[in-house]
């Protein structure tokens, strides 16, 4: 496990993970999946929606034999700010549906229950004043393989928010 973790850290520091590349992934057979009324995303066939129980936001996930995705959509979603100080994680800026987003990638370290490879994105979906604040999305994916990390990045890029 130490060797695998070192390989991930080295790959991250060399920039081998890239949220903006998206090259070499054939998405032609992918399907569009709904995350309730909040957003849609495209994912490989065989990916299934999974209901989860949230407290103050919409929480659910998507499962595939190659990865597990969880999301938190609401005013209190994790901003991923704590990952920026950890040298084991690569932090990148990219876009989700025309909105500025932050992407982290690195070893799971039990983040969101992942002990393999993890990637997560954070985006402010809409700005609302008042007591509820902004609507945000934190979406994370866990996988065992580096090629599946690129698949997860492509899935994150495919997110389209539904008008409210």
Protein backbone atom coordinates (compact mmCIF):
# COMPACT_ATOMS: atom_id res chain seq x y z
CA UNK A 1 0.00 0.00 0.00
CA UNK A 2 2.90 2.38 0.74
CA UNK A 3 4.30 1.86 -2.76
CA UNK A 4 0.90 2.52 -4.36
CA UNK A 5 0.43 5.68 -2.30
CA UNK A 6 3.92 6.91 -3.25
CA UNK A 7 3.09 6.31 -6.91
CA UNK A 8 -0.08 8.35 -6.60
CA UNK A 9 1.76 11.20 -4.87
CA UNK A 10 4.49 11.18 -7.54
CA UNK A 11 1.92 11.11 -10.33
CA UNK A 12 0.14 14.03 -8.74
CA UNK A 13 3.28 16.10 -8.34
CA UNK A 14 4.26 15.43 -11.95
CA UNK A 15 0.85 16.62 -13.09
CA UNK A 16 -0.24 13.33 -14.59
CA UNK A 17 -3.81 13.93 -13.44
CA UNK A 18 -5.47 16.71 -15.33
CA UNK A 19 -9.03 17.91 -15.02
CA UNK A 20 -8.85 19.85 -18.23
CA UNK A 21 -7.40 17.21 -20.53
CA UNK A 22 -10.40 14.90 -21.07
CA UNK A 23 -8.58 13.27 -23.96
CA UNK A 24 -8.88 9.64 -24.94
CA UNK A 25 -12.18 8.92 -23.17
CA UNK A 26 -14.88 7.63 -25.49
CA UNK A 27 -18.17 8.96 -24.11
CA UNK A 28 -20.31 7.97 -27.11
CA UNK A 29 -21.98 5.10 -25.22
CA UNK A 30 -22.49 7.06 -22.01
CA UNK A 31 -25.97 7.68 -20.63
CA UNK A 32 -27.52 10.77 -19.06
CA UNK A 33 -28.52 10.33 -15.42
CA UNK A 34 -30.67 12.61 -13.27
CA UNK A 35 -29.70 13.74 -9.81
CA UNK A 36 -33.25 14.49 -8.77
CA UNK A 37 -34.27 17.93 -10.03
CA UNK A 38 -30.84 19.42 -9.26
CA UNK A 39 -28.67 18.39 -12.20
CA UNK A 40 -27.85 15.76 -14.80
CA UNK A 41 -24.57 14.09 -15.61
CA UNK A 42 -23.29 11.70 -18.21
CA UNK A 43 -21.65 8.45 -17.14
CA UNK A 44 -20.73 5.04 -18.53
CA UNK A 45 -23.62 2.64 -19.11
CA UNK A 46 -24.16 0.52 -16.02
CA UNK A 47 -23.88 3.49 -13.65
CA UNK A 48 -26.84 3.56 -11.27
CA UNK A 49 -28.34 6.27 -9.06
CA UNK A 50 -28.22 5.55 -5.31
CA UNK A 51 -30.48 7.30 -2.80
CA UNK A 52 -28.94 8.50 0.46
CA UNK A 53 -30.27 10.38 3.46
CA UNK A 54 -29.22 14.00 3.91
CA UNK A 55 -29.87 16.26 6.88
CA UNK A 56 -29.93 19.78 5.42
CA UNK A 57 -29.24 19.16 1.74
CA UNK A 58 -29.82 16.76 -1.17
CA UNK A 59 -27.37 13.86 -0.78
CA UNK A 60 -27.17 10.87 -3.11
CA UNK A 61 -24.72 8.97 -5.30
CA UNK A 62 -23.99 6.90 -8.37
CA UNK A 63 -22.44 3.44 -8.41
CA UNK A 64 -20.51 1.70 -11.16
CA UNK A 65 -18.23 -1.37 -10.93
CA UNK A 66 -15.25 0.98 -11.53
CA UNK A 67 -16.13 3.81 -9.13
CA UNK A 68 -18.46 5.22 -6.49
CA UNK A 69 -19.72 8.83 -6.58
CA UNK A 70 -21.40 10.77 -3.77
CA UNK A 71 -22.70 14.32 -3.86
CA UNK A 72 -23.98 16.97 -1.46
CA UNK A 73 -26.14 19.68 -3.06
CA UNK A 74 -27.18 22.50 -0.76
CA UNK A 75 -26.01 25.52 1.24
CA UNK A 76 -23.50 23.66 3.43
CA UNK A 77 -21.54 21.58 0.92
CA UNK A 78 -17.82 21.09 1.58
CA UNK A 79 -15.71 23.74 -0.21
CA UNK A 80 -12.66 21.40 -0.37
CA UNK A 81 -10.53 24.27 1.02
CA UNK A 82 -8.77 21.99 3.53
CA UNK A 83 -7.26 19.90 0.73
CA UNK A 84 -5.26 22.84 -0.68
CA UNK A 85 -2.76 22.71 2.18
CA UNK A 86 -2.09 18.97 1.81
CA UNK A 87 0.81 18.29 -0.60
CA UNK A 88 -0.62 14.83 -1.40
CA UNK A 89 -3.48 16.46 -3.31
CA UNK A 90 -3.48 18.23 -6.61
CA UNK A 91 -5.88 21.19 -6.70
CA UNK A 92 -7.07 22.55 -10.04
CA UNK A 93 -9.57 25.11 -11.25
CA UNK A 94 -11.93 24.13 -14.05
CA UNK A 95 -15.52 24.73 -15.19
CA UNK A 96 -18.74 22.88 -14.53
CA UNK A 97 -21.63 24.07 -16.72
CA UNK A 98 -19.99 27.48 -17.20
CA UNK A 99 -19.30 27.99 -13.48
CA UNK A 100 -15.89 28.17 -11.86
CA UNK A 101 -15.14 25.00 -9.93
CA UNK A 102 -12.34 23.51 -7.82
CA UNK A 103 -11.12 19.94 -8.31
CA UNK A 104 -8.95 17.94 -5.92
CA UNK A 105 -7.32 14.59 -6.70
CA UNK A 106 -5.18 12.33 -4.53
CA UNK A 107 -5.07 9.42 -2.11
CA UNK A 108 -8.36 8.63 -0.37
CA UNK A 109 -7.10 8.87 3.23
CA UNK A 110 -10.67 7.93 4.22
CA UNK A 111 -12.10 11.13 2.71
CA UNK A 112 -15.81 10.39 2.19
CA UNK A 113 -15.07 6.77 3.12
CA UNK A 114 -12.54 6.31 0.30
CA UNK A 115 -9.25 4.56 0.99
CA UNK A 116 -8.18 4.20 -2.63
CA UNK A 117 -7.94 7.17 -5.05
CA UNK A 118 -10.27 10.11 -4.59
CA UNK A 119 -11.28 13.10 -6.64
CA UNK A 120 -13.83 15.75 -5.75
CA UNK A 121 -15.24 18.92 -7.26
CA UNK A 122 -16.84 21.95 -5.62
CA UNK A 123 -18.90 24.60 -7.39
CA UNK A 124 -21.29 27.37 -6.37
CA UNK A 125 -24.45 26.68 -8.36
CA UNK A 126 -26.39 29.84 -7.56
CA UNK A 127 -26.00 32.88 -5.36
CA UNK A 128 -28.93 33.50 -3.07
CA UNK A 129 -29.13 36.02 -0.30
CA UNK A 130 -30.91 35.55 2.97
CA UNK A 131 -30.55 32.93 5.64
CA UNK A 132 -29.98 29.98 3.30
CA UNK A 133 -26.99 31.36 1.40
CA UNK A 134 -25.56 30.01 -1.83
CA UNK A 135 -26.55 26.69 -3.38
CA UNK A 136 -23.40 24.58 -3.74
CA UNK A 137 -22.39 21.18 -5.05
CA UNK A 138 -19.62 18.97 -3.70
CA UNK A 139 -19.29 15.78 -5.70
CA UNK A 140 -16.67 13.14 -4.94
CA UNK A 141 -15.58 9.93 -6.58
CA UNK A 142 -13.61 6.96 -5.30
CA UNK A 143 -11.85 4.42 -7.51
CA UNK A 144 -8.97 1.95 -7.49
CA UNK A 145 -7.40 2.90 -10.83
CA UNK A 146 -5.84 6.01 -12.33
CA UNK A 147 -7.70 5.66 -15.67
CA UNK A 148 -10.97 5.72 -13.72
CA UNK A 149 -9.91 9.05 -12.19
CA UNK A 150 -10.00 10.57 -15.68
CA UNK A 151 -13.42 9.00 -16.19
CA UNK A 152 -14.60 10.65 -12.98
CA UNK A 153 -13.19 14.02 -14.13
CA UNK A 154 -15.08 13.66 -17.41
CA UNK A 155 -18.27 12.83 -15.50
CA UNK A 156 -17.81 15.96 -13.36
CA UNK A 157 -17.30 18.08 -16.50
CA UNK A 158 -20.56 16.69 -17.95
CA UNK A 159 -22.74 18.05 -15.10
CA UNK A 160 -25.54 20.34 -16.24
CA UNK A 161 -27.62 22.17 -13.65
CA UNK A 162 -31.37 22.34 -14.04
CA UNK A 163 -32.90 25.83 -14.07
CA UNK A 164 -34.73 26.70 -10.88
